[in-house]
């Protein structure tokens, strides 16, 4: 899996996902299946650092769409045991309409500023 994000640098190769019991339960309680959360990483993904919650390990926030096209908000870390990089989701939830509208407006304004 090749994660395309300026936050990680070009071409970060991710081996897979590292789910723990707590994150599995949290995502499923919020209505997002593990497969849906993972599918968001296969498409375009906006990734932002989360410095407020990164005291012990660097965390990231991501906005993307699942394979079914639903907008999802994901908090995750990167783990690199044994030299391979894994995504460790912390939580995932579907976004509310107001959040989606705000994100789409901000993304369009950013694209205009950059000439794209």
PDB file of N, CA and C in Angstrom:
ATOM      1  N   UNK A   1       0.853  -1.161   0.000  1.00  0.00           N
ATOM      2  CA  UNK A   1       0.000   0.000   0.000  1.00  0.00           C
ATOM      3  C   UNK A   1       0.900   1.225   0.000  1.00  0.00           C
ATOM      4  N   UNK A   2       0.682   2.137  -0.898  1.00  0.00           N
ATOM      5  CA  UNK A   2       1.482   3.346  -1.026  1.00  0.00           C
ATOM      6  C   UNK A   2       0.649   4.524  -0.547  1.00  0.00           C
ATOM      7  N   UNK A   3       0.979   5.083   0.598  1.00  0.00           N
ATOM      8  CA  UNK A   3       0.220   6.194   1.151  1.00  0.00           C
ATOM      9  C   UNK A   3       0.776   7.481   0.577  1.00  0.00           C
ATOM     10  N   UNK A   4      -0.050   8.198  -0.155  1.00  0.00           N
ATOM     11  CA  UNK A   4       0.356   9.457  -0.767  1.00  0.00           C
ATOM     12  C   UNK A   4      -0.088  10.610   0.124  1.00  0.00           C
ATOM     13  N   UNK A   5       0.828  11.169   0.874  1.00  0.00           N
ATOM     14  CA  UNK A   5       0.503  12.289   1.744  1.00  0.00           C
ATOM     15  C   UNK A   5       1.743  13.126   1.973  1.00  0.00           C
ATOM     16  N   UNK A   6       1.610  14.458   1.841  1.00  0.00           N
ATOM     17  CA  UNK A   6       2.762  15.312   2.116  1.00  0.00           C
ATOM     18  C   UNK A   6       3.244  15.199   3.556  1.00  0.00           C
ATOM     19  N   UNK A   7       2.368  14.777   4.461  1.00  0.00           N
ATOM     20  CA  UNK A   7       2.761  14.642   5.861  1.00  0.00           C
ATOM     21  C   UNK A   7       3.804  13.547   6.056  1.00  0.00           C
ATOM     22  N   UNK A   8       3.803  12.545   5.199  1.00  0.00           N
ATOM     23  CA  UNK A   8       4.713  11.418   5.338  1.00  0.00           C
ATOM     24  C   UNK A   8       5.873  11.475   4.367  1.00  0.00           C
ATOM     25  N   UNK A   9       5.823  12.357   3.408  1.00  0.00           N
ATOM     26  CA  UNK A   9       6.823  12.356   2.360  1.00  0.00           C
ATOM     27  C   UNK A   9       6.343  11.460   1.233  1.00  0.00           C
ATOM     28  N   UNK A  10       6.949  11.584   0.089  1.00  0.00           N
ATOM     29  CA  UNK A  10       6.481  10.816  -1.070  1.00  0.00           C
ATOM     30  C   UNK A  10       6.771   9.326  -0.938  1.00  0.00           C
ATOM     31  N   UNK A  11       5.778   8.539  -1.292  1.00  0.00           N
ATOM     32  CA  UNK A  11       5.990   7.108  -1.447  1.00  0.00           C
ATOM     33  C   UNK A  11       6.210   6.290  -0.200  1.00  0.00           C
ATOM     34  N   UNK A  12       5.665   6.694   0.936  1.00  0.00           N
ATOM     35  CA  UNK A  12       5.776   5.851   2.124  1.00  0.00           C
ATOM     36  C   UNK A  12       5.054   4.544   1.858  1.00  0.00           C
ATOM     37  N   UNK A  13       5.744   3.451   2.011  1.00  0.00           N
ATOM     38  CA  UNK A  13       5.131   2.141   1.791  1.00  0.00           C
ATOM     39  C   UNK A  13       4.685   1.583   3.135  1.00  0.00           C
ATOM     40  N   UNK A  14       3.394   1.293   3.220  1.00  0.00           N
ATOM     41  CA  UNK A  14       2.802   0.767   4.441  1.00  0.00           C
ATOM     42  C   UNK A  14       2.495  -0.699   4.225  1.00  0.00           C
ATOM     43  N   UNK A  15       2.936  -1.529   5.163  1.00  0.00           N
ATOM     44  CA  UNK A  15       2.743  -2.969   5.062  1.00  0.00           C
ATOM     45  C   UNK A  15       1.301  -3.377   5.314  1.00  0.00           C
ATOM     46  N   UNK A  16       0.647  -2.710   6.246  1.00  0.00           N
ATOM     47  CA  UNK A  16      -0.729  -3.068   6.582  1.00  0.00           C
ATOM     48  C   UNK A  16      -1.205  -2.296   7.788  1.00  0.00           C
ATOM     49  N   UNK A  17      -2.133  -2.895   8.509  1.00  0.00           N
ATOM     50  CA  UNK A  17      -2.757  -2.251   9.656  1.00  0.00           C
ATOM     51  C   UNK A  17      -2.460  -3.026  10.926  1.00  0.00           C
ATOM     52  N   UNK A  18      -2.346  -2.298  12.017  1.00  0.00           N
ATOM     53  CA  UNK A  18      -2.056  -2.864  13.325  1.00  0.00           C
ATOM     54  C   UNK A  18      -3.197  -2.480  14.264  1.00  0.00           C
ATOM     55  N   UNK A  19      -4.265  -3.275  14.234  1.00  0.00           N
ATOM     56  CA  UNK A  19      -5.423  -3.014  15.088  1.00  0.00           C
ATOM     57  C   UNK A  19      -5.201  -3.625  16.462  1.00  0.00           C
ATOM     58  N   UNK A  20      -5.527  -2.880  17.508  1.00  0.00           N
ATOM     59  CA  UNK A  20      -5.541  -3.479  18.835  1.00  0.00           C
ATOM     60  C   UNK A  20      -6.996  -3.597  19.296  1.00  0.00           C
ATOM     61  N   UNK A  21      -7.202  -4.285  20.391  1.00  0.00           N
ATOM     62  CA  UNK A  21      -8.562  -4.552  20.868  1.00  0.00           C
ATOM     63  C   UNK A  21      -9.345  -3.258  21.093  1.00  0.00           C
ATOM     64  N   UNK A  22      -8.710  -2.275  21.724  1.00  0.00           N
ATOM     65  CA  UNK A  22      -9.382  -1.014  22.029  1.00  0.00           C
ATOM     66  C   UNK A  22      -9.804  -0.251  20.788  1.00  0.00           C
ATOM     67  N   UNK A  23      -8.918  -0.175  19.795  1.00  0.00           N
ATOM     68  CA  UNK A  23      -9.269   0.578  18.584  1.00  0.00           C
ATOM     69  C   UNK A  23     -10.327  -0.152  17.768  1.00  0.00           C
ATOM     70  N   UNK A  24     -10.296  -1.457  17.749  1.00  0.00           N
ATOM     71  CA  UNK A  24     -11.351  -2.219  17.063  1.00  0.00           C
ATOM     72  C   UNK A  24     -12.712  -1.906  17.659  1.00  0.00           C
ATOM     73  N   UNK A  25     -12.777  -1.979  18.980  1.00  0.00           N
ATOM     74  CA  UNK A  25     -14.044  -1.720  19.659  1.00  0.00           C
ATOM     75  C   UNK A  25     -14.516  -0.287  19.437  1.00  0.00           C
ATOM     76  N   UNK A  26     -13.585   0.671  19.530  1.00  0.00           N
ATOM     77  CA  UNK A  26     -13.941   2.088  19.380  1.00  0.00           C
ATOM     78  C   UNK A  26     -14.515   2.358  18.003  1.00  0.00           C
ATOM     79  N   UNK A  27     -13.864   1.886  16.969  1.00  0.00           N
ATOM     80  CA  UNK A  27     -14.338   2.128  15.605  1.00  0.00           C
ATOM     81  C   UNK A  27     -15.693   1.473  15.374  1.00  0.00           C
ATOM     82  N   UNK A  28     -15.832   0.244  15.801  1.00  0.00           N
ATOM     83  CA  UNK A  28     -17.084  -0.468  15.578  1.00  0.00           C
ATOM     84  C   UNK A  28     -18.220   0.135  16.398  1.00  0.00           C
ATOM     85  N   UNK A  29     -17.916   0.650  17.598  1.00  0.00           N
ATOM     86  CA  UNK A  29     -18.931   1.332  18.398  1.00  0.00           C
ATOM     87  C   UNK A  29     -19.410   2.585  17.680  1.00  0.00           C
ATOM     88  N   UNK A  30     -18.506   3.263  16.975  1.00  0.00           N
ATOM     89  CA  UNK A  30     -18.860   4.471  16.227  1.00  0.00           C
ATOM     90  C   UNK A  30     -19.459   4.143  14.862  1.00  0.00           C
ATOM     91  N   UNK A  31     -19.655   2.850  14.566  1.00  0.00           N
ATOM     92  CA  UNK A  31     -20.346   2.446  13.351  1.00  0.00           C
ATOM     93  C   UNK A  31     -19.479   2.236  12.129  1.00  0.00           C
ATOM     94  N   UNK A  32     -18.160   2.318  12.283  1.00  0.00           N
ATOM     95  CA  UNK A  32     -17.255   2.141  11.149  1.00  0.00           C
ATOM     96  C   UNK A  32     -16.626   0.757  11.236  1.00  0.00           C
ATOM     97  N   UNK A  33     -16.830  -0.063  10.222  1.00  0.00           N
ATOM     98  CA  UNK A  33     -16.215  -1.388  10.221  1.00  0.00           C
ATOM     99  C   UNK A  33     -14.710  -1.246   9.980  1.00  0.00           C
ATOM    100  N   UNK A  34     -13.976  -2.264  10.362  1.00  0.00           N
ATOM    101  CA  UNK A  34     -12.528  -2.238  10.136  1.00  0.00           C
ATOM    102  C   UNK A  34     -12.228  -2.147   8.639  1.00  0.00           C
ATOM    103  N   UNK A  35     -12.986  -2.884   7.836  1.00  0.00           N
ATOM    104  CA  UNK A  35     -12.782  -2.864   6.384  1.00  0.00           C
ATOM    105  C   UNK A  35     -13.055  -1.471   5.810  1.00  0.00           C
ATOM    106  N   UNK A  36     -14.087  -0.795   6.317  1.00  0.00           N
ATOM    107  CA  UNK A  36     -14.405   0.551   5.825  1.00  0.00           C
ATOM    108  C   UNK A  36     -13.291   1.530   6.193  1.00  0.00           C
ATOM    109  N   UNK A  37     -12.798   1.454   7.422  1.00  0.00           N
ATOM    110  CA  UNK A  37     -11.712   2.345   7.846  1.00  0.00           C
ATOM    111  C   UNK A  37     -10.466   2.108   6.996  1.00  0.00           C
ATOM    112  N   UNK A  38     -10.120   0.855   6.768  1.00  0.00           N
ATOM    113  CA  UNK A  38      -8.942   0.540   5.963  1.00  0.00           C
ATOM    114  C   UNK A  38      -9.114   1.013   4.521  1.00  0.00           C
ATOM    115  N   UNK A  39     -10.319   0.926   3.990  1.00  0.00           N
ATOM    116  CA  UNK A  39     -10.537   1.308   2.591  1.00  0.00           C
ATOM    117  C   UNK A  39     -10.294   2.790   2.366  1.00  0.00           C
ATOM    118  N   UNK A  40     -10.465   3.611   3.397  1.00  0.00           N
ATOM    119  CA  UNK A  40     -10.219   5.049   3.244  1.00  0.00           C
ATOM    120  C   UNK A  40      -8.756   5.334   2.903  1.00  0.00           C
ATOM    121  N   UNK A  41      -7.848   4.474   3.346  1.00  0.00           N
ATOM    122  CA  UNK A  41      -6.426   4.671   3.084  1.00  0.00           C
ATOM    123  C   UNK A  41      -6.033   4.280   1.661  1.00  0.00           C
ATOM    124  N   UNK A  42      -6.938   3.687   0.917  1.00  0.00           N
ATOM    125  CA  UNK A  42      -6.637   3.287  -0.463  1.00  0.00           C
ATOM    126  C   UNK A  42      -6.949   4.378  -1.472  1.00  0.00           C
ATOM    127  N   UNK A  43      -7.632   5.427  -1.032  1.00  0.00           N
ATOM    128  CA  UNK A  43      -7.990   6.528  -1.921  1.00  0.00           C
ATOM    129  C   UNK A  43      -7.313   7.811  -1.476  1.00  0.00           C
ATOM    130  N   UNK A  44      -7.698   8.924  -2.086  1.00  0.00           N
ATOM    131  CA  UNK A  44      -7.140  10.211  -1.644  1.00  0.00           C
ATOM    132  C   UNK A  44      -7.475  10.443  -0.176  1.00  0.00           C
ATOM    133  N   UNK A  45      -6.491  10.918   0.547  1.00  0.00           N
ATOM    134  CA  UNK A  45      -6.640  11.083   1.990  1.00  0.00           C
ATOM    135  C   UNK A  45      -5.954  12.379   2.406  1.00  0.00           C
ATOM    136  N   UNK A  46      -6.666  13.240   3.109  1.00  0.00           N
ATOM    137  CA  UNK A  46      -6.058  14.449   3.663  1.00  0.00           C
ATOM    138  C   UNK A  46      -5.560  14.087   5.057  1.00  0.00           C
ATOM    139  N   UNK A  47      -4.260  14.249   5.280  1.00  0.00           N
ATOM    140  CA  UNK A  47      -3.640  13.858   6.556  1.00  0.00           C
ATOM    141  C   UNK A  47      -3.047  15.094   7.213  1.00  0.00           C
ATOM    142  N   UNK A  48      -3.335  15.238   8.502  1.00  0.00           N
ATOM    143  CA  UNK A  48      -2.862  16.384   9.266  1.00  0.00           C
ATOM    144  C   UNK A  48      -2.205  15.887  10.546  1.00  0.00           C
ATOM    145  N   UNK A  49      -1.120  16.540  10.973  1.00  0.00           N
ATOM    146  CA  UNK A  49      -0.530  16.160  12.260  1.00  0.00           C
ATOM    147  C   UNK A  49      -1.499  16.506  13.389  1.00  0.00           C
ATOM    148  N   UNK A  50      -1.386  15.815  14.489  1.00  0.00           N
ATOM    149  CA  UNK A  50      -2.226  16.053  15.668  1.00  0.00           C
ATOM    150  C   UNK A  50      -1.298  16.305  16.854  1.00  0.00           C
ATOM    151  N   UNK A  51      -0.638  17.490  16.873  1.00  0.00           N
ATOM    152  CA  UNK A  51       0.376  17.734  17.909  1.00  0.00           C
ATOM    153  C   UNK A  51      -0.181  17.779  19.319  1.00  0.00           C
ATOM    154  N   UNK A  52      -1.431  18.147  19.491  1.00  0.00           N
ATOM    155  CA  UNK A  52      -2.016  18.225  20.825  1.00  0.00           C
ATOM    156  C   UNK A  52      -2.047  16.858  21.498  1.00  0.00           C
ATOM    157  N   UNK A  53      -2.259  15.806  20.706  1.00  0.00           N
ATOM    158  CA  UNK A  53      -2.370  14.452  21.256  1.00  0.00           C
ATOM    159  C   UNK A  53      -1.126  13.601  20.973  1.00  0.00           C
ATOM    160  N   UNK A  54      -0.018  14.251  20.671  1.00  0.00           N
ATOM    161  CA  UNK A  54       1.184  13.521  20.278  1.00  0.00           C
ATOM    162  C   UNK A  54       2.291  13.581  21.324  1.00  0.00           C
ATOM    163  N   UNK A  55       1.947  13.527  22.577  1.00  0.00           N
ATOM    164  CA  UNK A  55       2.964  13.632  23.624  1.00  0.00           C
ATOM    165  C   UNK A  55       3.942  12.460  23.598  1.00  0.00           C
ATOM    166  N   UNK A  56       3.432  11.237  23.560  1.00  0.00           N
ATOM    167  CA  UNK A  56       4.304  10.058  23.593  1.00  0.00           C
ATOM    168  C   UNK A  56       4.675   9.585  22.198  1.00  0.00           C
ATOM    169  N   UNK A  57       3.712   9.566  21.290  1.00  0.00           N
ATOM    170  CA  UNK A  57       3.945   9.134  19.912  1.00  0.00           C
ATOM    171  C   UNK A  57       3.234  10.097  18.976  1.00  0.00           C
ATOM    172  N   UNK A  58       3.781  10.259  17.779  1.00  0.00           N
ATOM    173  CA  UNK A  58       3.177  11.171  16.810  1.00  0.00           C
ATOM    174  C   UNK A  58       1.854  10.603  16.292  1.00  0.00           C
ATOM    175  N   UNK A  59       0.807  11.407  16.407  1.00  0.00           N
ATOM    176  CA  UNK A  59      -0.508  11.018  15.913  1.00  0.00           C
ATOM    177  C   UNK A  59      -0.892  11.872  14.717  1.00  0.00           C
ATOM    178  N   UNK A  60      -1.798  11.323  13.920  1.00  0.00           N
ATOM    179  CA  UNK A  60      -2.295  12.014  12.743  1.00  0.00           C
ATOM    180  C   UNK A  60      -3.810  11.958  12.704  1.00  0.00           C
ATOM    181  N   UNK A  61      -4.403  12.945  12.049  1.00  0.00           N
ATOM    182  CA  UNK A  61      -5.835  12.955  11.757  1.00  0.00           C
ATOM    183  C   UNK A  61      -5.976  12.881  10.246  1.00  0.00           C
ATOM    184  N   UNK A  62      -6.949  12.127   9.788  1.00  0.00           N
ATOM    185  CA  UNK A  62      -7.134  11.966   8.349  1.00  0.00           C
ATOM    186  C   UNK A  62      -8.610  12.088   7.989  1.00  0.00           C
ATOM    187  N   UNK A  63      -8.846  12.647   6.808  1.00  0.00           N
ATOM    188  CA  UNK A  63     -10.188  12.738   6.256  1.00  0.00           C
ATOM    189  C   UNK A  63     -10.141  12.089   4.882  1.00  0.00           C
ATOM    190  N   UNK A  64     -11.052  11.172   4.653  1.00  0.00           N
ATOM    191  CA  UNK A  64     -11.096  10.495   3.359  1.00  0.00           C
ATOM    192  C   UNK A  64     -12.443   9.835   3.162  1.00  0.00           C
ATOM    193  N   UNK A  65     -12.533   9.075   2.110  1.00  0.00           N
ATOM    194  CA  UNK A  65     -13.772   8.358   1.812  1.00  0.00           C
ATOM    195  C   UNK A  65     -13.526   6.861   1.848  1.00  0.00           C
ATOM    196  N   UNK A  66     -14.511   6.163   2.352  1.00  0.00           N
ATOM    197  CA  UNK A  66     -14.440   4.707   2.371  1.00  0.00           C
ATOM    198  C   UNK A  66     -14.655   4.191   0.955  1.00  0.00           C
ATOM    199  N   UNK A  67     -14.489   2.909   0.771  1.00  0.00           N
ATOM    200  CA  UNK A  67     -14.736   2.290  -0.527  1.00  0.00           C
ATOM    201  C   UNK A  67     -16.168   2.479  -0.998  1.00  0.00           C
ATOM    202  N   UNK A  68     -17.087   2.706  -0.055  1.00  0.00           N
ATOM    203  CA  UNK A  68     -18.492   2.939  -0.394  1.00  0.00           C
ATOM    204  C   UNK A  68     -18.793   4.418  -0.592  1.00  0.00           C
ATOM    205  N   UNK A  69     -17.771   5.276  -0.472  1.00  0.00           N
ATOM    206  CA  UNK A  69     -17.947   6.705  -0.730  1.00  0.00           C
ATOM    207  C   UNK A  69     -18.369   7.548   0.457  1.00  0.00           C
ATOM    208  N   UNK A  70     -18.447   6.959   1.641  1.00  0.00           N
ATOM    209  CA  UNK A  70     -18.818   7.738   2.830  1.00  0.00           C
ATOM    210  C   UNK A  70     -17.593   8.438   3.408  1.00  0.00           C
ATOM    211  N   UNK A  71     -17.779   9.697   3.807  1.00  0.00           N
ATOM    212  CA  UNK A  71     -16.696  10.458   4.421  1.00  0.00           C
ATOM    213  C   UNK A  71     -16.419   9.921   5.819  1.00  0.00           C
ATOM    214  N   UNK A  72     -15.134   9.778   6.128  1.00  0.00           N
ATOM    215  CA  UNK A  72     -14.737   9.227   7.424  1.00  0.00           C
ATOM    216  C   UNK A  72     -13.585  10.061   7.990  1.00  0.00           C
ATOM    217  N   UNK A  73     -13.583  10.204   9.314  1.00  0.00           N
ATOM    218  CA  UNK A  73     -12.538  10.899  10.053  1.00  0.00           C
ATOM    219  C   UNK A  73     -11.799   9.847  10.867  1.00  0.00           C
ATOM    220  N   UNK A  74     -10.487   9.769  10.698  1.00  0.00           N
ATOM    221  CA  UNK A  74      -9.698   8.718  11.337  1.00  0.00           C
ATOM    222  C   UNK A  74      -8.528   9.340  12.096  1.00  0.00           C
ATOM    223  N   UNK A  75      -8.293   8.863  13.301  1.00  0.00           N
ATOM    224  CA  UNK A  75      -7.108   9.221  14.073  1.00  0.00           C
ATOM    225  C   UNK A  75      -6.226   7.981  14.108  1.00  0.00           C
ATOM    226  N   UNK A  76      -4.933   8.158  13.815  1.00  0.00           N
ATOM    227  CA  UNK A  76      -4.040   7.000  13.745  1.00  0.00           C
ATOM    228  C   UNK A  76      -2.602   7.377  14.048  1.00  0.00           C
ATOM    229  N   UNK A  77      -1.779   6.354  14.226  1.00  0.00           N
ATOM    230  CA  UNK A  77      -0.335   6.487  14.393  1.00  0.00           C
ATOM    231  C   UNK A  77       0.331   5.586  13.364  1.00  0.00           C
ATOM    232  N   UNK A  78       1.595   5.798  13.142  1.00  0.00           N
ATOM    233  CA  UNK A  78       2.392   4.885  12.327  1.00  0.00           C
ATOM    234  C   UNK A  78       3.297   4.097  13.265  1.00  0.00           C
ATOM    235  N   UNK A  79       3.376   2.823  13.049  1.00  0.00           N
ATOM    236  CA  UNK A  79       4.253   1.949  13.831  1.00  0.00           C
ATOM    237  C   UNK A  79       5.238   1.291  12.883  1.00  0.00           C
ATOM    238  N   UNK A  80       6.460   1.122  13.319  1.00  0.00           N
ATOM    239  CA  UNK A  80       7.473   0.513  12.462  1.00  0.00           C
ATOM    240  C   UNK A  80       8.254  -0.571  13.186  1.00  0.00           C
ATOM    241  N   UNK A  81       7.572  -1.637  13.617  1.00  0.00           N
ATOM    242  CA  UNK A  81       8.314  -2.736  14.236  1.00  0.00           C
ATOM    243  C   UNK A  81       9.059  -3.537  13.167  1.00  0.00           C
ATOM    244  N   UNK A  82      10.290  -3.841  13.415  1.00  0.00           N
ATOM    245  CA  UNK A  82      11.052  -4.662  12.476  1.00  0.00           C
ATOM    246  C   UNK A  82      11.290  -4.018  11.127  1.00  0.00           C
ATOM    247  N   UNK A  83      11.216  -2.692  11.051  1.00  0.00           N
ATOM    248  CA  UNK A  83      11.523  -2.005   9.800  1.00  0.00           C
ATOM    249  C   UNK A  83      10.356  -1.871   8.830  1.00  0.00           C
ATOM    250  N   UNK A  84       9.219  -2.498   9.118  1.00  0.00           N
ATOM    251  CA  UNK A  84       8.043  -2.346   8.269  1.00  0.00           C
ATOM    252  C   UNK A  84       7.103  -1.336   8.916  1.00  0.00           C
ATOM    253  N   UNK A  85       6.409  -0.562   8.095  1.00  0.00           N
ATOM    254  CA  UNK A  85       5.517   0.467   8.610  1.00  0.00           C
ATOM    255  C   UNK A  85       4.071  -0.011   8.575  1.00  0.00           C
ATOM    256  N   UNK A  86       3.391   0.140   9.708  1.00  0.00           N
ATOM    257  CA  UNK A  86       1.983  -0.230   9.838  1.00  0.00           C
ATOM    258  C   UNK A  86       1.182   0.990  10.279  1.00  0.00           C
ATOM    259  N   UNK A  87      -0.054   1.065   9.834  1.00  0.00           N
ATOM    260  CA  UNK A  87      -0.980   2.080  10.314  1.00  0.00           C
ATOM    261  C   UNK A  87      -1.704   1.497  11.518  1.00  0.00           C
ATOM    262  N   UNK A  88      -1.650   2.208  12.635  1.00  0.00           N
ATOM    263  CA  UNK A  88      -2.383   1.779  13.827  1.00  0.00           C
ATOM    264  C   UNK A  88      -3.525   2.768  14.059  1.00  0.00           C
ATOM    265  N   UNK A  89      -4.730   2.413  13.600  1.00  0.00           N
ATOM    266  CA  UNK A  89      -5.882   3.284  13.842  1.00  0.00           C
ATOM    267  C   UNK A  89      -6.181   3.379  15.335  1.00  0.00           C
ATOM    268  N   UNK A  90      -6.563   4.557  15.767  1.00  0.00           N
ATOM    269  CA  UNK A  90      -6.970   4.778  17.151  1.00  0.00           C
ATOM    270  C   UNK A  90      -8.490   4.894  17.210  1.00  0.00           C
ATOM    271  N   UNK A  91      -9.048   5.658  16.271  1.00  0.00           N
ATOM    272  CA  UNK A  91     -10.502   5.775  16.187  1.00  0.00           C
ATOM    273  C   UNK A  91     -10.893   6.148  14.762  1.00  0.00           C
ATOM    274  N   UNK A  92     -12.122   5.833  14.417  1.00  0.00           N
ATOM    275  CA  UNK A  92     -12.675   6.204  13.112  1.00  0.00           C
ATOM    276  C   UNK A  92     -14.169   6.406  13.292  1.00  0.00           C
ATOM    277  N   UNK A  93     -14.666   7.449  12.658  1.00  0.00           N
ATOM    278  CA  UNK A  93     -16.104   7.709  12.701  1.00  0.00           C
ATOM    279  C   UNK A  93     -16.527   8.351  11.394  1.00  0.00           C
ATOM    280  N   UNK A  94     -17.791   8.160  11.058  1.00  0.00           N
ATOM    281  CA  UNK A  94     -18.328   8.824   9.874  1.00  0.00           C
ATOM    282  C   UNK A  94     -18.523  10.296  10.200  1.00  0.00           C
ATOM    283  N   UNK A  95     -18.289  11.141   9.204  1.00  0.00           N
ATOM    284  CA  UNK A  95     -18.392  12.581   9.399  1.00  0.00           C
ATOM    285  C   UNK A  95     -19.840  13.040   9.267  1.00  0.00           C
ATOM    286  N   UNK A  96     -20.159  14.116   9.978  1.00  0.00           N
ATOM    287  CA  UNK A  96     -21.477  14.740   9.901  1.00  0.00           C
ATOM    288  C   UNK A  96     -21.528  15.661   8.678  1.00  0.00           C
ATOM    289  N   UNK A  97     -22.705  15.911   8.178  1.00  0.00           N
ATOM    290  CA  UNK A  97     -22.882  16.751   6.982  1.00  0.00           C
ATOM    291  C   UNK A  97     -22.185  18.100   7.134  1.00  0.00           C
ATOM    292  N   UNK A  98     -22.310  18.742   8.275  1.00  0.00           N
ATOM    293  CA  UNK A  98     -21.682  20.059   8.488  1.00  0.00           C
ATOM    294  C   UNK A  98     -20.156  19.960   8.369  1.00  0.00           C
ATOM    295  N   UNK A  99     -19.576  18.903   8.898  1.00  0.00           N
ATOM    296  CA  UNK A  99     -18.122  18.710   8.788  1.00  0.00           C
ATOM    297  C   UNK A  99     -17.704  18.497   7.344  1.00  0.00           C
ATOM    298  N   UNK A 100     -18.476  17.722   6.615  1.00  0.00           N
ATOM    299  CA  UNK A 100     -18.173  17.460   5.199  1.00  0.00           C
ATOM    300  C   UNK A 100     -18.230  18.751   4.407  1.00  0.00           C
ATOM    301  N   UNK A 101     -19.276  19.544   4.625  1.00  0.00           N
ATOM    302  CA  UNK A 101     -19.415  20.821   3.913  1.00  0.00           C
ATOM    303  C   UNK A 101     -18.238  21.737   4.210  1.00  0.00           C
ATOM    304  N   UNK A 102     -17.848  21.817   5.475  1.00  0.00           N
ATOM    305  CA  UNK A 102     -16.714  22.656   5.864  1.00  0.00           C
ATOM    306  C   UNK A 102     -15.427  22.170   5.191  1.00  0.00           C
ATOM    307  N   UNK A 103     -15.176  20.874   5.242  1.00  0.00           N
ATOM    308  CA  UNK A 103     -13.968  20.320   4.643  1.00  0.00           C
ATOM    309  C   UNK A 103     -13.936  20.586   3.142  1.00  0.00           C
ATOM    310  N   UNK A 104     -15.043  20.344   2.448  1.00  0.00           N
ATOM    311  CA  UNK A 104     -15.077  20.543   0.995  1.00  0.00           C
ATOM    312  C   UNK A 104     -14.848  22.009   0.640  1.00  0.00           C
ATOM    313  N   UNK A 105     -15.400  22.939   1.425  1.00  0.00           N
ATOM    314  CA  UNK A 105     -15.184  24.369   1.194  1.00  0.00           C
ATOM    315  C   UNK A 105     -13.716  24.724   1.384  1.00  0.00           C
ATOM    316  N   UNK A 106     -13.126  24.242   2.464  1.00  0.00           N
ATOM    317  CA  UNK A 106     -11.712  24.528   2.740  1.00  0.00           C
ATOM    318  C   UNK A 106     -10.797  23.933   1.668  1.00  0.00           C
ATOM    319  N   UNK A 107     -11.092  22.721   1.232  1.00  0.00           N
ATOM    320  CA  UNK A 107     -10.272  22.074   0.195  1.00  0.00           C
ATOM    321  C   UNK A 107     -10.371  22.828  -1.121  1.00  0.00           C
ATOM    322  N   UNK A 108     -11.562  23.299  -1.480  1.00  0.00           N
ATOM    323  CA  UNK A 108     -11.733  24.057  -2.734  1.00  0.00           C
ATOM    324  C   UNK A 108     -10.981  25.383  -2.653  1.00  0.00           C
ATOM    325  N   UNK A 109     -11.030  26.054  -1.516  1.00  0.00           N
ATOM    326  CA  UNK A 109     -10.308  27.325  -1.346  1.00  0.00           C
ATOM    327  C   UNK A 109      -8.801  27.102  -1.413  1.00  0.00           C
ATOM    328  N   UNK A 110      -8.326  26.038  -0.815  1.00  0.00           N
ATOM    329  CA  UNK A 110      -6.897  25.723  -0.877  1.00  0.00           C
ATOM    330  C   UNK A 110      -6.454  25.431  -2.304  1.00  0.00           C
ATOM    331  N   UNK A 111      -7.285  24.722  -3.049  1.00  0.00           N
ATOM    332  CA  UNK A 111      -6.964  24.408  -4.454  1.00  0.00           C
ATOM    333  C   UNK A 111      -6.907  25.691  -5.279  1.00  0.00           C
ATOM    334  N   UNK A 112      -7.815  26.622  -5.036  1.00  0.00           N
ATOM    335  CA  UNK A 112      -7.807  27.908  -5.751  1.00  0.00           C
ATOM    336  C   UNK A 112      -6.541  28.690  -5.447  1.00  0.00           C
ATOM    337  N   UNK A 113      -6.144  28.711  -4.167  1.00  0.00           N
ATOM    338  CA  UNK A 113      -4.931  29.443  -3.772  1.00  0.00           C
ATOM    339  C   UNK A 113      -3.675  28.868  -4.415  1.00  0.00           C
ATOM    340  N   UNK A 114      -3.677  27.536  -4.597  1.00  0.00           N
ATOM    341  CA  UNK A 114      -2.483  26.900  -5.155  1.00  0.00           C
ATOM    342  C   UNK A 114      -2.542  26.848  -6.680  1.00  0.00           C
ATOM    343  N   UNK A 115      -3.621  27.356  -7.249  1.00  0.00           N
ATOM    344  CA  UNK A 115      -3.734  27.367  -8.707  1.00  0.00           C
ATOM    345  C   UNK A 115      -4.223  26.064  -9.304  1.00  0.00           C
ATOM    346  N   UNK A 116      -4.719  25.144  -8.462  1.00  0.00           N
ATOM    347  CA  UNK A 116      -5.141  23.846  -8.960  1.00  0.00           C
ATOM    348  C   UNK A 116      -6.566  23.733  -8.988  1.00  0.00           C
TER     349      UNK A 116
END
